[in-house]
C-alpha atoms as a PDB file:
ATOM      1  CA  UNK A   1     -68.077-110.830  27.400  1.00  0.00           C
ATOM      2  CA  UNK A   2     -65.315-109.155  25.905  1.00  0.00           C
ATOM      3  CA  UNK A   3     -63.853-107.461  22.695  1.00  0.00           C
ATOM      4  CA  UNK A   4     -60.624-105.903  21.993  1.00  0.00           C
ATOM      5  CA  UNK A   5     -60.582-102.181  20.735  1.00  0.00           C
ATOM      6  CA  UNK A   6     -57.195-101.590  19.362  1.00  0.00           C
ATOM      7  CA  UNK A   7     -54.690-102.683  22.177  1.00  0.00           C
ATOM      8  CA  UNK A   8     -57.091-102.561  24.930  1.00  0.00           C
ATOM      9  CA  UNK A   9     -59.540-105.493  26.046  1.00  0.00           C
ATOM     10  CA  UNK A  10     -62.803-104.275  27.108  1.00  0.00           C
ATOM     11  CA  UNK A  11     -64.909-106.546  29.405  1.00  0.00           C
ATOM     12  CA  UNK A  12     -68.541-106.058  29.713  1.00  0.00           C
ATOM     13  CA  UNK A  13     -71.721-107.781  30.652  1.00  0.00           C
ATOM     14  CA  UNK A  14     -75.149-107.145  29.199  1.00  0.00           C
ATOM     15  CA  UNK A  15     -78.968-108.014  30.070  1.00  0.00           C
ATOM     16  CA  UNK A  16     -82.009-107.986  27.929  1.00  0.00           C
ATOM     17  CA  UNK A  17     -82.798-107.043  24.399  1.00  0.00           C
ATOM     18  CA  UNK A  18     -84.229-103.856  22.623  1.00  0.00           C
ATOM     19  CA  UNK A  19     -82.986-100.314  22.811  1.00  0.00           C
ATOM     20  CA  UNK A  20     -79.481-100.273  23.746  1.00  0.00           C
ATOM     21  CA  UNK A  21     -78.548 -98.599  27.143  1.00  0.00           C
ATOM     22  CA  UNK A  22     -74.770 -98.232  27.930  1.00  0.00           C
ATOM     23  CA  UNK A  23     -74.021 -97.359  31.553  1.00  0.00           C
ATOM     24  CA  UNK A  24     -70.521 -96.027  32.637  1.00  0.00           C
ATOM     25  CA  UNK A  25     -69.459 -96.537  36.066  1.00  0.00           C
ATOM     26  CA  UNK A  26     -67.112 -94.085  38.142  1.00  0.00           C
ATOM     27  CA  UNK A  27     -63.408 -94.241  38.972  1.00  0.00           C
ATOM     28  CA  UNK A  28     -62.012 -96.736  41.216  1.00  0.00           C
ATOM     29  CA  UNK A  29     -64.782 -99.391  40.837  1.00  0.00           C
ATOM     30  CA  UNK A  30     -66.023-101.640  37.964  1.00  0.00           C
ATOM     31  CA  UNK A  31     -69.437-102.290  36.176  1.00  0.00           C
ATOM     32  CA  UNK A  32     -70.903-103.983  39.257  1.00  0.00           C
ATOM     33  CA  UNK A  33     -71.790-100.769  41.026  1.00  0.00           C
ATOM     34  CA  UNK A  34     -73.657 -99.257  38.258  1.00  0.00           C
ATOM     35  CA  UNK A  35     -75.235-102.477  37.065  1.00  0.00           C
ATOM     36  CA  UNK A  36     -76.825-103.095  40.637  1.00  0.00           C
ATOM     37  CA  UNK A  37     -78.028 -99.693  40.664  1.00  0.00           C
ATOM     38  CA  UNK A  38     -79.618 -99.447  37.089  1.00  0.00           C
ATOM     39  CA  UNK A  39     -80.921-102.950  37.282  1.00  0.00           C
ATOM     40  CA  UNK A  40     -82.904-101.980  40.218  1.00  0.00           C
ATOM     41  CA  UNK A  41     -84.694 -99.139  38.558  1.00  0.00           C
ATOM     42  CA  UNK A  42     -84.594 -99.896  34.724  1.00  0.00           C
ATOM     43  CA  UNK A  43     -87.757-101.384  33.207  1.00  0.00           C
ATOM     44  CA  UNK A  44     -87.124-105.113  32.719  1.00  0.00           C
ATOM     45  CA  UNK A  45     -88.238-105.213  28.981  1.00  0.00           C
ATOM     46  CA  UNK A  46     -87.388-103.237  25.878  1.00  0.00           C
ATOM     47  CA  UNK A  47     -83.956-102.435  26.887  1.00  0.00           C
ATOM     48  CA  UNK A  48     -80.324-104.074  26.135  1.00  0.00           C
ATOM     49  CA  UNK A  49     -78.395-102.812  29.216  1.00  0.00           C
ATOM     50  CA  UNK A  50     -74.580-103.088  28.680  1.00  0.00           C
ATOM     51  CA  UNK A  51     -72.143-102.421  31.382  1.00  0.00           C
ATOM     52  CA  UNK A  52     -68.448-102.153  30.473  1.00  0.00           C
ATOM     53  CA  UNK A  53     -65.663-102.049  32.723  1.00  0.00           C
ATOM     54  CA  UNK A  54     -63.839 -98.858  31.907  1.00  0.00           C
ATOM     55  CA  UNK A  55     -60.060 -99.074  31.081  1.00  0.00           C
ATOM     56  CA  UNK A  56     -57.955-100.192  33.943  1.00  0.00           C
ATOM     57  CA  UNK A  57     -60.660-101.209  35.885  1.00  0.00           C
ATOM     58  CA  UNK A  58     -62.439-104.358  36.547  1.00  0.00           C
ATOM     59  CA  UNK A  59     -61.156-106.918  33.858  1.00  0.00           C
ATOM     60  CA  UNK A  60     -60.711-104.290  31.138  1.00  0.00           C
ATOM     61  CA  UNK A  61     -57.142-103.229  30.293  1.00  0.00           C
ATOM     62  CA  UNK A  62     -55.817 -99.894  29.414  1.00  0.00           C
ATOM     63  CA  UNK A  63     -53.041-100.727  26.849  1.00  0.00           C
ATOM     64  CA  UNK A  64     -52.355 -97.896  24.329  1.00  0.00           C
ATOM     65  CA  UNK A  65     -54.333 -95.230  26.321  1.00  0.00           C
ATOM     66  CA  UNK A  66     -52.561 -92.104  27.592  1.00  0.00           C
ATOM     67  CA  UNK A  67     -55.525 -89.685  28.467  1.00  0.00           C
ATOM     68  CA  UNK A  68     -59.128 -89.471  28.912  1.00  0.00           C
ATOM     69  CA  UNK A  69     -59.767 -88.329  25.361  1.00  0.00           C
ATOM     70  CA  UNK A  70     -58.248 -91.774  24.400  1.00  0.00           C
ATOM     71  CA  UNK A  71     -60.820 -93.508  26.506  1.00  0.00           C
ATOM     72  CA  UNK A  72     -63.608 -91.398  24.921  1.00  0.00           C
ATOM     73  CA  UNK A  73     -62.312 -92.762  21.533  1.00  0.00           C
ATOM     74  CA  UNK A  74     -62.305 -96.280  22.819  1.00  0.00           C
ATOM     75  CA  UNK A  75     -65.791 -95.942  24.180  1.00  0.00           C
ATOM     76  CA  UNK A  76     -67.080 -94.689  20.600  1.00  0.00           C
ATOM     77  CA  UNK A  77     -65.501 -97.724  19.099  1.00  0.00           C
ATOM     78  CA  UNK A  78     -67.000 -99.988  21.714  1.00  0.00           C
ATOM     79  CA  UNK A  79     -70.303 -98.584  20.795  1.00  0.00           C
ATOM     80  CA  UNK A  80     -69.751 -99.398  17.062  1.00  0.00           C
ATOM     81  CA  UNK A  81     -68.686-102.795  18.027  1.00  0.00           C
ATOM     82  CA  UNK A  82     -72.116-103.314  19.733  1.00  0.00           C
ATOM     83  CA  UNK A  83     -73.554-103.083  16.230  1.00  0.00           C
ATOM     84  CA  UNK A  84     -76.800-101.973  17.684  1.00  0.00           C
ATOM     85  CA  UNK A  85     -77.021 -98.396  16.326  1.00  0.00           C
ATOM     86  CA  UNK A  86     -77.429 -95.356  18.461  1.00  0.00           C
ATOM     87  CA  UNK A  87     -77.500 -95.931  22.262  1.00  0.00           C
ATOM     88  CA  UNK A  88     -78.881 -94.299  25.413  1.00  0.00           C
ATOM     89  CA  UNK A  89     -75.740 -93.286  27.237  1.00  0.00           C
ATOM     90  CA  UNK A  90     -75.495 -93.102  31.128  1.00  0.00           C
ATOM     91  CA  UNK A  91     -72.617 -92.245  33.499  1.00  0.00           C
ATOM     92  CA  UNK A  92     -72.108 -91.947  36.955  1.00  0.00           C
ATOM     93  CA  UNK A  93     -69.303 -89.536  38.331  1.00  0.00           C
ATOM     94  CA  UNK A  94     -66.174 -90.002  36.116  1.00  0.00           C
ATOM     95  CA  UNK A  95     -68.273 -92.096  33.775  1.00  0.00           C
ATOM     96  CA  UNK A  96     -70.557 -88.991  33.240  1.00  0.00           C
ATOM     97  CA  UNK A  97     -67.578 -87.000  32.153  1.00  0.00           C
ATOM     98  CA  UNK A  98     -66.563 -89.721  29.673  1.00  0.00           C
ATOM     99  CA  UNK A  99     -70.100 -89.874  28.529  1.00  0.00           C
ATOM    100  CA  UNK A 100     -70.084 -86.056  27.946  1.00  0.00           C
ATOM    101  CA  UNK A 101     -67.051 -86.539  25.699  1.00  0.00           C
ATOM    102  CA  UNK A 102     -68.777 -89.296  23.757  1.00  0.00           C
ATOM    103  CA  UNK A 103     -71.989 -87.274  23.188  1.00  0.00           C
ATOM    104  CA  UNK A 104     -69.901 -84.286  22.086  1.00  0.00           C
ATOM    105  CA  UNK A 105     -67.663 -86.097  19.614  1.00  0.00           C
ATOM    106  CA  UNK A 106     -70.323 -88.521  18.287  1.00  0.00           C
ATOM    107  CA  UNK A 107     -73.764 -87.052  18.788  1.00  0.00           C
ATOM    108  CA  UNK A 108     -75.366 -89.169  16.153  1.00  0.00           C
ATOM    109  CA  UNK A 109     -74.669 -92.333  18.162  1.00  0.00           C
ATOM    110  CA  UNK A 110     -76.341 -90.970  21.400  1.00  0.00           C
ATOM    111  CA  UNK A 111     -80.087 -91.095  21.638  1.00  0.00           C
ATOM    112  CA  UNK A 112     -80.111 -89.606  25.039  1.00  0.00           C
ATOM    113  CA  UNK A 113     -77.580 -88.667  27.909  1.00  0.00           C
ATOM    114  CA  UNK A 114     -77.994 -89.148  31.589  1.00  0.00           C
ATOM    115  CA  UNK A 115     -75.303 -87.743  33.889  1.00  0.00           C
ATOM    116  CA  UNK A 116     -75.468 -88.822  37.592  1.00  0.00           C
ATOM    117  CA  UNK A 117     -73.470 -86.805  40.016  1.00  0.00           C
ATOM    118  CA  UNK A 118     -71.250 -85.759  37.156  1.00  0.00           C
ATOM    119  CA  UNK A 119     -67.604 -85.060  37.560  1.00  0.00           C
ATOM    120  CA  UNK A 120     -65.927 -82.274  35.366  1.00  0.00           C
ATOM    121  CA  UNK A 121     -62.880 -80.756  34.503  1.00  0.00           C
ATOM    122  CA  UNK A 122     -62.688 -79.210  38.027  1.00  0.00           C
ATOM    123  CA  UNK A 123     -65.198 -79.053  40.888  1.00  0.00           C
ATOM    124  CA  UNK A 124     -66.291 -75.999  42.871  1.00  0.00           C
ATOM    125  CA  UNK A 125     -68.398 -75.158  45.751  1.00  0.00           C
ATOM    126  CA  UNK A 126     -68.195 -78.581  47.101  1.00  0.00           C
ATOM    127  CA  UNK A 127     -69.936 -79.076  50.664  1.00  0.00           C
ATOM    128  CA  UNK A 128     -68.314 -80.829  53.503  1.00  0.00           C
ATOM    129  CA  UNK A 129     -69.078 -84.511  54.047  1.00  0.00           C
ATOM    130  CA  UNK A 130     -72.205 -84.450  56.334  1.00  0.00           C
ATOM    131  CA  UNK A 131     -74.228 -87.475  57.412  1.00  0.00           C
ATOM    132  CA  UNK A 132     -77.896 -87.010  56.958  1.00  0.00           C
ATOM    133  CA  UNK A 133     -78.952 -90.284  58.467  1.00  0.00           C
ATOM    134  CA  UNK A 134     -77.284 -92.863  60.602  1.00  0.00           C
ATOM    135  CA  UNK A 135     -79.360 -95.848  61.587  1.00  0.00           C
ATOM    136  CA  UNK A 136     -78.123 -97.886  64.681  1.00  0.00           C
ATOM    137  CA  UNK A 137     -78.086-101.160  62.924  1.00  0.00           C
ATOM    138  CA  UNK A 138     -76.463 -99.976  59.701  1.00  0.00           C
ATOM    139  CA  UNK A 139     -73.011-101.727  60.277  1.00  0.00           C
ATOM    140  CA  UNK A 140     -74.810-105.204  61.476  1.00  0.00           C
ATOM    141  CA  UNK A 141     -73.830-106.913  57.916  1.00  0.00           C
ATOM    142  CA  UNK A 142     -70.448-105.092  57.244  1.00  0.00           C
ATOM    143  CA  UNK A 143     -67.006-106.316  57.931  1.00  0.00           C
ATOM    144  CA  UNK A 144     -65.068-104.100  60.162  1.00  0.00           C
ATOM    145  CA  UNK A 145     -62.503-103.532  57.319  1.00  0.00           C
ATOM    146  CA  UNK A 146     -65.286-102.237  55.093  1.00  0.00           C
ATOM    147  CA  UNK A 147     -66.601 -99.460  57.411  1.00  0.00           C
ATOM    148  CA  UNK A 148     -64.331 -96.757  56.482  1.00  0.00           C
ATOM    149  CA  UNK A 149     -64.921 -96.942  52.716  1.00  0.00           C
ATOM    150  CA  UNK A 150     -68.721 -96.940  53.412  1.00  0.00           C
ATOM    151  CA  UNK A 151     -68.563 -94.006  55.693  1.00  0.00           C
ATOM    152  CA  UNK A 152     -66.434 -92.250  53.072  1.00  0.00           C
ATOM    153  CA  UNK A 153     -69.025 -92.714  50.286  1.00  0.00           C
ATOM    154  CA  UNK A 154     -72.363 -92.520  52.030  1.00  0.00           C
ATOM    155  CA  UNK A 155     -74.117 -89.982  53.830  1.00  0.00           C
ATOM    156  CA  UNK A 156     -77.390 -92.117  54.035  1.00  0.00           C
ATOM    157  CA  UNK A 157     -76.343 -95.020  56.097  1.00  0.00           C
ATOM    158  CA  UNK A 158     -78.876 -97.810  56.588  1.00  0.00           C
ATOM    159  CA  UNK A 159     -78.744-101.530  56.542  1.00  0.00           C
ATOM    160  CA  UNK A 160     -79.769-101.255  52.931  1.00  0.00           C
ATOM    161  CA  UNK A 161     -77.216 -99.093  51.687  1.00  0.00           C
ATOM    162  CA  UNK A 162     -74.436-100.780  53.596  1.00  0.00           C
ATOM    163  CA  UNK A 163     -75.641-104.054  51.887  1.00  0.00           C
ATOM    164  CA  UNK A 164     -75.346-102.457  48.513  1.00  0.00           C
ATOM    165  CA  UNK A 165     -71.753-101.182  49.371  1.00  0.00           C
ATOM    166  CA  UNK A 166     -70.786-104.515  50.735  1.00  0.00           C
ATOM    167  CA  UNK A 167     -72.105-106.591  47.767  1.00  0.00           C
ATOM    168  CA  UNK A 168     -71.435-104.558  44.628  1.00  0.00           C
ATOM    169  CA  UNK A 169     -69.225-101.397  45.618  1.00  0.00           C
ATOM    170  CA  UNK A 170     -66.329-102.886  47.955  1.00  0.00           C
ATOM    171  CA  UNK A 171     -65.814-105.921  45.654  1.00  0.00           C
ATOM    172  CA  UNK A 172     -65.260-103.748  42.621  1.00  0.00           C
ATOM    173  CA  UNK A 173     -62.616-101.618  44.134  1.00  0.00           C
ATOM    174  CA  UNK A 174     -60.120-104.524  44.203  1.00  0.00           C
ATOM    175  CA  UNK A 175     -59.529-104.687  40.572  1.00  0.00           C
ATOM    176  CA  UNK A 176     -57.887-101.383  39.731  1.00  0.00           C
ATOM    177  CA  UNK A 177     -54.729-100.890  37.870  1.00  0.00           C
ATOM    178  CA  UNK A 178     -53.584 -97.869  39.673  1.00  0.00           C
ATOM    179  CA  UNK A 179     -50.514 -97.281  37.297  1.00  0.00           C
ATOM    180  CA  UNK A 180     -52.684 -97.255  34.316  1.00  0.00           C
ATOM    181  CA  UNK A 181     -55.176 -94.782  35.880  1.00  0.00           C
ATOM    182  CA  UNK A 182     -52.365 -92.661  36.869  1.00  0.00           C
ATOM    183  CA  UNK A 183     -51.256 -92.567  33.403  1.00  0.00           C
ATOM    184  CA  UNK A 184     -54.769 -91.838  31.795  1.00  0.00           C
ATOM    185  CA  UNK A 185     -55.794 -89.258  34.530  1.00  0.00           C
ATOM    186  CA  UNK A 186     -52.570 -87.233  33.905  1.00  0.00           C
ATOM    187  CA  UNK A 187     -54.216 -86.262  30.721  1.00  0.00           C
ATOM    188  CA  UNK A 188     -57.489 -85.624  32.513  1.00  0.00           C
ATOM    189  CA  UNK A 189     -59.428 -82.948  30.463  1.00  0.00           C
ATOM    190  CA  UNK A 190     -61.995 -84.407  28.189  1.00  0.00           C
ATOM    191  CA  UNK A 191     -63.032 -82.487  25.128  1.00  0.00           C
ATOM    192  CA  UNK A 192     -66.786 -82.068  25.829  1.00  0.00           C
ATOM    193  CA  UNK A 193     -67.445 -79.715  22.795  1.00  0.00           C
ATOM    194  CA  UNK A 194     -68.578 -76.149  22.446  1.00  0.00           C
ATOM    195  CA  UNK A 195     -72.093 -76.767  20.774  1.00  0.00           C
ATOM    196  CA  UNK A 196     -75.000 -77.737  22.636  1.00  0.00           C
ATOM    197  CA  UNK A 197     -76.243 -81.454  22.558  1.00  0.00           C
ATOM    198  CA  UNK A 198     -79.938 -81.492  21.686  1.00  0.00           C
ATOM    199  CA  UNK A 199     -80.732 -84.962  22.451  1.00  0.00           C
ATOM    200  CA  UNK A 200     -82.868 -85.651  25.812  1.00  0.00           C
ATOM    201  CA  UNK A 201     -80.896 -85.142  28.789  1.00  0.00           C
ATOM    202  CA  UNK A 202     -81.070 -86.060  32.427  1.00  0.00           C
ATOM    203  CA  UNK A 203     -78.809 -84.479  34.998  1.00  0.00           C
ATOM    204  CA  UNK A 204     -78.914 -85.542  38.638  1.00  0.00           C
ATOM    205  CA  UNK A 205     -76.893 -84.285  41.611  1.00  0.00           C
ATOM    206  CA  UNK A 206     -76.750 -84.814  45.351  1.00  0.00           C
ATOM    207  CA  UNK A 207     -77.184 -81.645  47.363  1.00  0.00           C
ATOM    208  CA  UNK A 208     -74.891 -83.322  49.906  1.00  0.00           C
ATOM    209  CA  UNK A 209     -72.109 -84.580  47.386  1.00  0.00           C
ATOM    210  CA  UNK A 210     -68.999 -83.831  48.972  1.00  0.00           C
ATOM    211  CA  UNK A 211     -66.969 -85.265  46.050  1.00  0.00           C
ATOM    212  CA  UNK A 212     -68.243 -82.839  43.281  1.00  0.00           C
ATOM    213  CA  UNK A 213     -71.126 -80.965  44.752  1.00  0.00           C
ATOM    214  CA  UNK A 214     -74.026 -79.646  42.758  1.00  0.00           C
ATOM    215  CA  UNK A 215     -73.226 -76.283  41.478  1.00  0.00           C
ATOM    216  CA  UNK A 216     -71.229 -77.470  38.343  1.00  0.00           C
ATOM    217  CA  UNK A 217     -74.247 -79.748  37.533  1.00  0.00           C
ATOM    218  CA  UNK A 218     -76.771 -76.816  37.371  1.00  0.00           C
ATOM    219  CA  UNK A 219     -74.570 -75.051  34.999  1.00  0.00           C
ATOM    220  CA  UNK A 220     -74.897 -77.857  32.363  1.00  0.00           C
ATOM    221  CA  UNK A 221     -78.157 -76.637  31.427  1.00  0.00           C
ATOM    222  CA  UNK A 222     -76.473 -74.151  29.261  1.00  0.00           C
ATOM    223  CA  UNK A 223     -74.934 -77.197  27.346  1.00  0.00           C
ATOM    224  CA  UNK A 224     -77.973 -79.496  27.236  1.00  0.00           C
ATOM    225  CA  UNK A 225     -81.032 -77.339  26.161  1.00  0.00           C
ATOM    226  CA  UNK A 226     -83.294 -80.498  26.512  1.00  0.00           C
ATOM    227  CA  UNK A 227     -82.185 -81.564  30.006  1.00  0.00           C
ATOM    228  CA  UNK A 228     -84.017 -82.289  33.145  1.00  0.00           C
ATOM    229  CA  UNK A 229     -82.084 -81.060  36.266  1.00  0.00           C
ATOM    230  CA  UNK A 230     -82.630 -82.398  39.561  1.00  0.00           C
ATOM    231  CA  UNK A 231     -80.805 -81.740  42.754  1.00  0.00           C
ATOM    232  CA  UNK A 232     -81.694 -84.066  45.378  1.00  0.00           C
ATOM    233  CA  UNK A 233     -81.722 -83.176  49.024  1.00  0.00           C
ATOM    234  CA  UNK A 234     -80.265 -85.877  51.490  1.00  0.00           C
ATOM    235  CA  UNK A 235     -78.221 -87.553  48.874  1.00  0.00           C
ATOM    236  CA  UNK A 236     -74.504 -87.611  48.180  1.00  0.00           C
ATOM    237  CA  UNK A 237     -72.119 -88.934  45.644  1.00  0.00           C
ATOM    238  CA  UNK A 238     -73.782 -92.373  46.258  1.00  0.00           C
ATOM    239  CA  UNK A 239     -77.102 -90.861  45.110  1.00  0.00           C
ATOM    240  CA  UNK A 240     -77.998 -93.863  42.906  1.00  0.00           C
ATOM    241  CA  UNK A 241     -77.825 -96.272  45.986  1.00  0.00           C
ATOM    242  CA  UNK A 242     -79.310 -93.600  48.641  1.00  0.00           C
ATOM    243  CA  UNK A 243     -82.578 -92.349  46.694  1.00  0.00           C
ATOM    244  CA  UNK A 244     -83.475 -95.137  44.254  1.00  0.00           C
ATOM    245  CA  UNK A 245     -87.035 -94.510  44.268  1.00  0.00           C
ATOM    246  CA  UNK A 246     -86.738 -90.977  43.230  1.00  0.00           C
ATOM    247  CA  UNK A 247     -84.070 -91.724  40.737  1.00  0.00           C
ATOM    248  CA  UNK A 248     -86.188 -94.452  39.095  1.00  0.00           C
ATOM    249  CA  UNK A 249     -88.960 -91.683  38.318  1.00  0.00           C
ATOM    250  CA  UNK A 250     -86.398 -89.412  36.858  1.00  0.00           C
ATOM    251  CA  UNK A 251     -84.945 -92.346  34.910  1.00  0.00           C
ATOM    252  CA  UNK A 252     -88.162 -93.420  33.571  1.00  0.00           C
ATOM    253  CA  UNK A 253     -88.963 -90.006  32.347  1.00  0.00           C
ATOM    254  CA  UNK A 254     -85.761 -89.643  30.620  1.00  0.00           C
ATOM    255  CA  UNK A 255     -86.142 -93.133  28.960  1.00  0.00           C
ATOM    256  CA  UNK A 256     -89.577 -92.108  27.698  1.00  0.00           C
ATOM    257  CA  UNK A 257     -88.253 -88.962  26.422  1.00  0.00           C
ATOM    258  CA  UNK A 258     -85.138 -90.463  24.515  1.00  0.00           C
ATOM    259  CA  UNK A 259     -86.817 -93.628  23.418  1.00  0.00           C
ATOM    260  CA  UNK A 260     -87.183 -93.957  19.609  1.00  0.00           C
ATOM    261  CA  UNK A 261     -90.882 -93.573  18.626  1.00  0.00           C
ATOM    262  CA  UNK A 262     -90.835 -96.744  16.580  1.00  0.00           C
ATOM    263  CA  UNK A 263     -89.840 -98.855  19.466  1.00  0.00           C
END
């Protein structure tokens, strides 16, 4: 599916009916990565799951966008286009940073906020890239050209995580407009507001995340007074693929807290 928001074309896929859940992927991929992760853990009824390609990635364009705050504006307009009322909003990595901006600017449109391995304006106290598990057969189903990307992303290396990387992460890296992202990222800072966001929130970080670390995630409790915080051992920036069972439990609790009472 697709829609036009001002000059930009937004491509998205959706599944199911019910309470709308909008999930935003990270930088350099498209909707297929977060779709694979969330579809594996979300209840298969009662939720309308919506996965847009962010501007300049996948099949979405970035025409007219000059900074990340422009992307936040576009995402707010996209939520309006869905015509479903307030949404549950989830983001991974860069998508989490954008989700914070949407929640700050338009809190009435967000029933609940989930932030997975959230990127911020800057990251501090980031650990080195340390492998926590390396199975001997982890690479059996990977093409040689895919091995470096898999190793850069995953700290838990098994056949299951390699298969997820091969099927849903690696293909999504091919459709990136580098020039558009360079233009948008030059205006990196997102206005995440100065007041607390009071809706139910979930913040999940990987203790072995060598991209953003976990220290900044812990500080988000000051901004989100109704947040659950989990820092997961033996997981990195690919946490949603590496520890799906644990994420499913946290995700289910968040959905229960954020779900409207009349649904």
